N, C-alpha and C. Protein backbone atom coordinates (compact mmCIF):
# COMPACT_ATOMS: atom_id res chain seq x y z
N MET A 1 25.95 38.69 54.88
CA MET A 1 27.14 39.17 54.24
C MET A 1 26.78 40.39 53.41
N GLU A 2 27.81 41.17 53.10
CA GLU A 2 27.62 42.37 52.29
C GLU A 2 28.56 42.29 51.09
N ILE A 3 28.06 42.75 49.94
CA ILE A 3 28.88 42.77 48.74
C ILE A 3 28.88 44.18 48.17
N TRP A 4 30.08 44.70 47.96
CA TRP A 4 30.25 46.02 47.35
C TRP A 4 30.33 45.81 45.85
N ILE A 5 29.41 46.42 45.12
CA ILE A 5 29.39 46.22 43.68
C ILE A 5 29.25 47.51 42.90
N ASN A 6 29.63 47.40 41.65
CA ASN A 6 29.32 48.37 40.61
C ASN A 6 28.46 47.57 39.62
N PRO A 7 27.20 47.92 39.44
CA PRO A 7 26.32 47.12 38.59
C PRO A 7 26.80 47.01 37.14
N ALA A 8 27.66 47.90 36.70
CA ALA A 8 28.19 47.86 35.34
C ALA A 8 29.33 46.84 35.19
N CYS A 9 29.79 46.28 36.30
CA CYS A 9 30.94 45.37 36.31
C CYS A 9 30.50 43.92 36.10
N SER A 10 31.08 43.26 35.12
CA SER A 10 30.71 41.87 34.84
C SER A 10 31.11 40.94 35.98
N LYS A 11 32.24 41.20 36.65
CA LYS A 11 32.65 40.36 37.79
C LYS A 11 31.65 40.48 38.93
N CYS A 12 31.12 41.69 39.13
CA CYS A 12 30.11 41.90 40.17
C CYS A 12 28.83 41.15 39.85
N ARG A 13 28.41 41.23 38.60
CA ARG A 13 27.19 40.53 38.20
C ARG A 13 27.37 39.03 38.33
N SER A 14 28.54 38.52 37.98
CA SER A 14 28.82 37.09 38.11
C SER A 14 28.79 36.66 39.57
N ALA A 15 29.37 37.49 40.44
CA ALA A 15 29.37 37.16 41.87
C ALA A 15 27.95 37.13 42.41
N LEU A 16 27.11 38.09 42.01
CA LEU A 16 25.72 38.10 42.46
C LEU A 16 24.97 36.87 41.97
N SER A 17 25.21 36.49 40.73
CA SER A 17 24.56 35.29 40.18
C SER A 17 24.94 34.05 40.98
N LEU A 18 26.22 33.94 41.31
CA LEU A 18 26.68 32.78 42.08
C LEU A 18 26.07 32.79 43.48
N LEU A 19 26.05 33.95 44.13
CA LEU A 19 25.45 34.04 45.46
C LEU A 19 23.97 33.65 45.41
N ASP A 20 23.28 34.13 44.38
CA ASP A 20 21.86 33.79 44.23
C ASP A 20 21.68 32.29 44.00
N ALA A 21 22.52 31.72 43.16
CA ALA A 21 22.42 30.28 42.87
C ALA A 21 22.66 29.44 44.11
N GLU A 22 23.49 29.94 45.02
CA GLU A 22 23.80 29.23 46.26
C GLU A 22 22.81 29.56 47.38
N GLY A 23 21.86 30.44 47.10
CA GLY A 23 20.86 30.80 48.11
C GLY A 23 21.43 31.63 49.25
N ALA A 24 22.49 32.36 48.98
CA ALA A 24 23.14 33.17 50.03
C ALA A 24 22.27 34.36 50.41
N ASP A 25 22.36 34.72 51.67
CA ASP A 25 21.67 35.90 52.19
C ASP A 25 22.70 37.02 52.22
N TYR A 26 22.44 38.08 51.46
CA TYR A 26 23.43 39.16 51.37
C TYR A 26 22.74 40.51 51.18
N THR A 27 23.52 41.54 51.46
CA THR A 27 23.09 42.91 51.26
C THR A 27 24.01 43.51 50.20
N ILE A 28 23.43 44.24 49.27
CA ILE A 28 24.22 44.90 48.23
C ILE A 28 24.54 46.32 48.67
N ARG A 29 25.79 46.69 48.48
CA ARG A 29 26.19 48.09 48.67
C ARG A 29 26.72 48.59 47.33
N TYR A 30 26.04 49.58 46.80
CA TYR A 30 26.49 50.22 45.57
C TYR A 30 27.55 51.24 45.97
N TYR A 31 28.78 50.78 46.02
CA TYR A 31 29.83 51.57 46.65
C TYR A 31 30.22 52.83 45.88
N LEU A 32 29.82 52.94 44.62
CA LEU A 32 30.07 54.20 43.91
C LEU A 32 29.09 55.27 44.36
N GLU A 33 27.89 54.84 44.75
CA GLU A 33 26.87 55.78 45.25
C GLU A 33 27.02 56.03 46.74
N GLU A 34 27.50 55.04 47.46
CA GLU A 34 27.70 55.13 48.91
C GLU A 34 29.14 54.71 49.22
N PRO A 35 30.09 55.62 48.92
CA PRO A 35 31.51 55.25 49.08
C PRO A 35 31.87 54.91 50.52
N PRO A 36 32.76 53.95 50.68
CA PRO A 36 33.22 53.62 52.03
C PRO A 36 34.09 54.74 52.59
N THR A 37 34.02 54.90 53.88
CA THR A 37 34.88 55.86 54.56
C THR A 37 36.27 55.24 54.73
N VAL A 38 37.22 56.07 55.13
CA VAL A 38 38.56 55.56 55.41
C VAL A 38 38.47 54.49 56.49
N GLU A 39 37.65 54.71 57.51
CA GLU A 39 37.51 53.75 58.59
C GLU A 39 36.94 52.42 58.09
N GLU A 40 35.94 52.49 57.22
CA GLU A 40 35.38 51.26 56.65
C GLU A 40 36.41 50.53 55.80
N LEU A 41 37.18 51.28 55.03
CA LEU A 41 38.24 50.67 54.23
C LEU A 41 39.25 49.98 55.12
N GLU A 42 39.61 50.62 56.23
CA GLU A 42 40.56 50.02 57.18
C GLU A 42 40.03 48.68 57.68
N LYS A 43 38.76 48.64 58.06
CA LYS A 43 38.16 47.40 58.57
C LYS A 43 38.17 46.30 57.51
N VAL A 44 37.75 46.65 56.29
CA VAL A 44 37.70 45.66 55.22
C VAL A 44 39.11 45.18 54.87
N LEU A 45 40.05 46.09 54.80
CA LEU A 45 41.43 45.68 54.51
C LEU A 45 41.96 44.74 55.59
N GLY A 46 41.60 44.99 56.84
CA GLY A 46 42.01 44.09 57.93
C GLY A 46 41.43 42.69 57.73
N LYS A 47 40.16 42.63 57.31
CA LYS A 47 39.53 41.34 57.05
C LYS A 47 40.14 40.65 55.84
N LEU A 48 40.50 41.45 54.83
CA LEU A 48 41.10 40.91 53.62
C LEU A 48 42.56 40.48 53.83
N GLY A 49 43.21 41.11 54.83
CA GLY A 49 44.63 40.88 55.02
C GLY A 49 45.46 41.55 53.92
N LEU A 50 44.94 42.67 53.42
CA LEU A 50 45.59 43.39 52.32
C LEU A 50 45.87 44.83 52.70
N GLU A 51 46.63 45.49 51.86
CA GLU A 51 46.93 46.91 52.01
C GLU A 51 46.13 47.68 50.97
N PRO A 52 45.97 48.99 51.15
CA PRO A 52 45.16 49.75 50.20
C PRO A 52 45.66 49.67 48.76
N TRP A 53 46.95 49.61 48.57
CA TRP A 53 47.49 49.53 47.20
C TRP A 53 47.19 48.18 46.56
N ASP A 54 46.86 47.18 47.38
CA ASP A 54 46.52 45.86 46.85
C ASP A 54 45.12 45.84 46.21
N ILE A 55 44.26 46.76 46.62
CA ILE A 55 42.89 46.78 46.08
C ILE A 55 42.67 48.00 45.17
N ALA A 56 43.73 48.70 44.83
CA ALA A 56 43.61 49.88 43.98
C ALA A 56 43.60 49.48 42.50
N ARG A 57 42.73 50.10 41.75
CA ARG A 57 42.65 49.88 40.30
C ARG A 57 43.49 50.96 39.63
N LEU A 58 44.75 50.66 39.41
CA LEU A 58 45.69 51.65 38.92
C LEU A 58 45.51 52.00 37.45
N GLY A 59 44.72 51.22 36.72
CA GLY A 59 44.47 51.51 35.32
C GLY A 59 43.35 52.51 35.09
N GLU A 60 42.66 52.88 36.17
CA GLU A 60 41.57 53.84 36.05
C GLU A 60 42.11 55.24 35.74
N PRO A 61 41.37 56.03 34.96
CA PRO A 61 41.81 57.40 34.65
C PRO A 61 42.12 58.22 35.90
N ALA A 62 41.31 58.05 36.95
CA ALA A 62 41.56 58.82 38.19
C ALA A 62 42.90 58.45 38.81
N ALA A 63 43.27 57.17 38.75
CA ALA A 63 44.57 56.73 39.29
C ALA A 63 45.71 57.31 38.46
N GLU A 64 45.53 57.30 37.16
CA GLU A 64 46.56 57.86 36.29
C GLU A 64 46.71 59.36 36.52
N ALA A 65 45.59 60.07 36.69
CA ALA A 65 45.63 61.51 36.94
C ALA A 65 46.36 61.83 38.24
N LEU A 66 46.19 60.96 39.23
CA LEU A 66 46.86 61.16 40.53
C LEU A 66 48.31 60.66 40.53
N GLY A 67 48.69 59.90 39.52
CA GLY A 67 50.03 59.32 39.49
C GLY A 67 50.22 58.22 40.52
N MET A 68 49.15 57.51 40.84
CA MET A 68 49.19 56.52 41.92
C MET A 68 50.19 55.39 41.68
N ALA A 69 50.44 55.04 40.45
CA ALA A 69 51.36 53.93 40.16
C ALA A 69 52.76 54.21 40.73
N SER A 70 53.08 55.48 40.90
CA SER A 70 54.41 55.81 41.42
C SER A 70 54.40 56.09 42.93
N TRP A 71 53.24 56.00 43.56
CA TRP A 71 53.19 56.25 45.00
C TRP A 71 53.91 55.14 45.76
N ALA A 72 54.55 55.54 46.84
CA ALA A 72 55.22 54.56 47.71
C ALA A 72 54.18 53.65 48.34
N ARG A 73 54.56 52.39 48.47
CA ARG A 73 53.68 51.39 49.09
C ARG A 73 54.28 51.00 50.43
N ASP A 74 54.10 51.90 51.39
CA ASP A 74 54.65 51.67 52.72
C ASP A 74 53.75 52.34 53.75
N GLU A 75 54.03 52.05 55.02
CA GLU A 75 53.19 52.57 56.11
C GLU A 75 53.12 54.09 56.11
N ALA A 76 54.20 54.75 55.76
CA ALA A 76 54.23 56.21 55.77
C ALA A 76 53.25 56.81 54.75
N HIS A 77 52.94 56.06 53.70
CA HIS A 77 52.06 56.56 52.64
C HIS A 77 50.69 55.87 52.62
N ARG A 78 50.45 55.02 53.59
CA ARG A 78 49.20 54.25 53.63
C ARG A 78 47.97 55.17 53.67
N ARG A 79 48.02 56.22 54.47
CA ARG A 79 46.88 57.13 54.59
C ARG A 79 46.60 57.84 53.26
N GLN A 80 47.64 58.14 52.51
CA GLN A 80 47.46 58.76 51.20
C GLN A 80 46.63 57.84 50.30
N TRP A 81 46.94 56.56 50.32
CA TRP A 81 46.20 55.57 49.53
C TRP A 81 44.75 55.49 50.01
N LEU A 82 44.55 55.39 51.32
CA LEU A 82 43.21 55.28 51.88
C LEU A 82 42.36 56.50 51.53
N ASP A 83 42.95 57.68 51.66
CA ASP A 83 42.22 58.91 51.33
C ASP A 83 41.80 58.92 49.86
N ALA A 84 42.69 58.47 48.99
CA ALA A 84 42.37 58.44 47.56
C ALA A 84 41.24 57.47 47.26
N LEU A 85 41.29 56.29 47.87
CA LEU A 85 40.24 55.29 47.64
C LEU A 85 38.89 55.77 48.16
N ALA A 86 38.89 56.43 49.31
CA ALA A 86 37.64 56.94 49.88
C ALA A 86 37.09 58.09 49.04
N ALA A 87 37.97 58.93 48.51
CA ALA A 87 37.54 60.08 47.73
C ALA A 87 37.08 59.69 46.32
N GLU A 88 37.67 58.64 45.78
CA GLU A 88 37.38 58.21 44.41
C GLU A 88 37.14 56.70 44.39
N PRO A 89 35.92 56.26 44.74
CA PRO A 89 35.66 54.83 44.89
C PRO A 89 35.83 54.01 43.60
N THR A 90 35.87 54.66 42.43
CA THR A 90 36.12 53.89 41.20
C THR A 90 37.50 53.22 41.25
N LEU A 91 38.34 53.67 42.16
CA LEU A 91 39.69 53.11 42.29
C LEU A 91 39.71 51.81 43.08
N ILE A 92 38.59 51.44 43.70
CA ILE A 92 38.55 50.24 44.55
C ILE A 92 38.22 49.01 43.71
N GLN A 93 39.04 47.98 43.87
CA GLN A 93 38.80 46.69 43.21
C GLN A 93 37.43 46.16 43.63
N ARG A 94 36.78 45.44 42.75
CA ARG A 94 35.43 44.95 43.01
C ARG A 94 35.23 43.58 42.42
N PRO A 95 34.24 42.86 42.91
CA PRO A 95 33.42 43.11 44.11
C PRO A 95 34.18 42.70 45.37
N ILE A 96 33.86 43.36 46.45
CA ILE A 96 34.40 42.98 47.75
C ILE A 96 33.23 42.43 48.56
N ILE A 97 33.45 41.25 49.11
CA ILE A 97 32.41 40.57 49.89
C ILE A 97 32.92 40.41 51.32
N THR A 98 32.13 40.89 52.28
CA THR A 98 32.44 40.66 53.69
C THR A 98 31.40 39.67 54.22
N ALA A 99 31.90 38.62 54.84
CA ALA A 99 31.03 37.56 55.34
C ALA A 99 30.71 37.78 56.81
N ASP A 100 29.69 37.07 57.26
CA ASP A 100 29.26 37.18 58.66
C ASP A 100 30.31 36.69 59.65
N ASP A 101 31.22 35.84 59.21
CA ASP A 101 32.24 35.32 60.12
C ASP A 101 33.48 36.22 60.19
N ASP A 102 33.34 37.46 59.72
CA ASP A 102 34.40 38.47 59.75
C ASP A 102 35.52 38.22 58.74
N THR A 103 35.27 37.40 57.74
CA THR A 103 36.22 37.24 56.65
C THR A 103 35.76 38.10 55.48
N ALA A 104 36.65 38.30 54.54
CA ALA A 104 36.31 39.07 53.35
C ALA A 104 37.16 38.58 52.19
N VAL A 105 36.66 38.80 50.98
CA VAL A 105 37.40 38.46 49.76
C VAL A 105 37.11 39.50 48.69
N VAL A 106 38.05 39.62 47.78
CA VAL A 106 37.80 40.32 46.54
C VAL A 106 37.28 39.22 45.61
N GLY A 107 35.99 39.27 45.32
CA GLY A 107 35.31 38.17 44.64
C GLY A 107 35.39 38.20 43.13
N ARG A 108 36.60 38.24 42.60
CA ARG A 108 36.76 38.31 41.14
C ARG A 108 36.72 36.94 40.48
N SER A 109 36.74 35.88 41.27
CA SER A 109 36.64 34.54 40.70
C SER A 109 35.53 33.78 41.43
N PRO A 110 34.95 32.78 40.78
CA PRO A 110 33.93 31.97 41.46
C PRO A 110 34.49 31.32 42.73
N GLU A 111 35.74 30.89 42.70
CA GLU A 111 36.36 30.26 43.88
C GLU A 111 36.42 31.23 45.05
N ALA A 112 36.77 32.48 44.77
CA ALA A 112 36.84 33.47 45.84
C ALA A 112 35.45 33.71 46.43
N VAL A 113 34.44 33.83 45.58
CA VAL A 113 33.07 34.04 46.06
C VAL A 113 32.62 32.86 46.92
N ARG A 114 32.87 31.65 46.44
CA ARG A 114 32.46 30.46 47.19
C ARG A 114 33.18 30.36 48.54
N SER A 115 34.37 30.92 48.63
CA SER A 115 35.15 30.81 49.87
C SER A 115 34.50 31.50 51.06
N VAL A 116 33.56 32.41 50.83
CA VAL A 116 32.90 33.09 51.94
C VAL A 116 31.51 32.53 52.23
N LEU A 117 31.12 31.53 51.45
CA LEU A 117 29.81 30.92 51.71
C LEU A 117 29.91 29.98 52.89
N PRO A 118 28.82 29.91 53.70
CA PRO A 118 28.86 29.01 54.86
C PRO A 118 28.92 27.54 54.46
């Protein structure tokens, strides 16, 4: 499995601690240093069953500067959201965990993290 983290994030550190405690085999992706492409975001969103606006951190200064809170949340504007998330990865909710069975979760709670463990 792979986990997208920001090491400064307490939810990310908690998720890593839980994965370690469970003996999970995982790869860390520091997504601020290695931002996902639009295509990677599309794949992860498909696994999550979510839309780009569902994983956007609208309280971030970059989101406020872009006025993202007022962006339309529909298919016609989906690419606008994806482009913004790819260009400014601080806008992506974290941690995101993709499991080997092609599922994924936003691992903000211990229950969500455990849901991807075998």
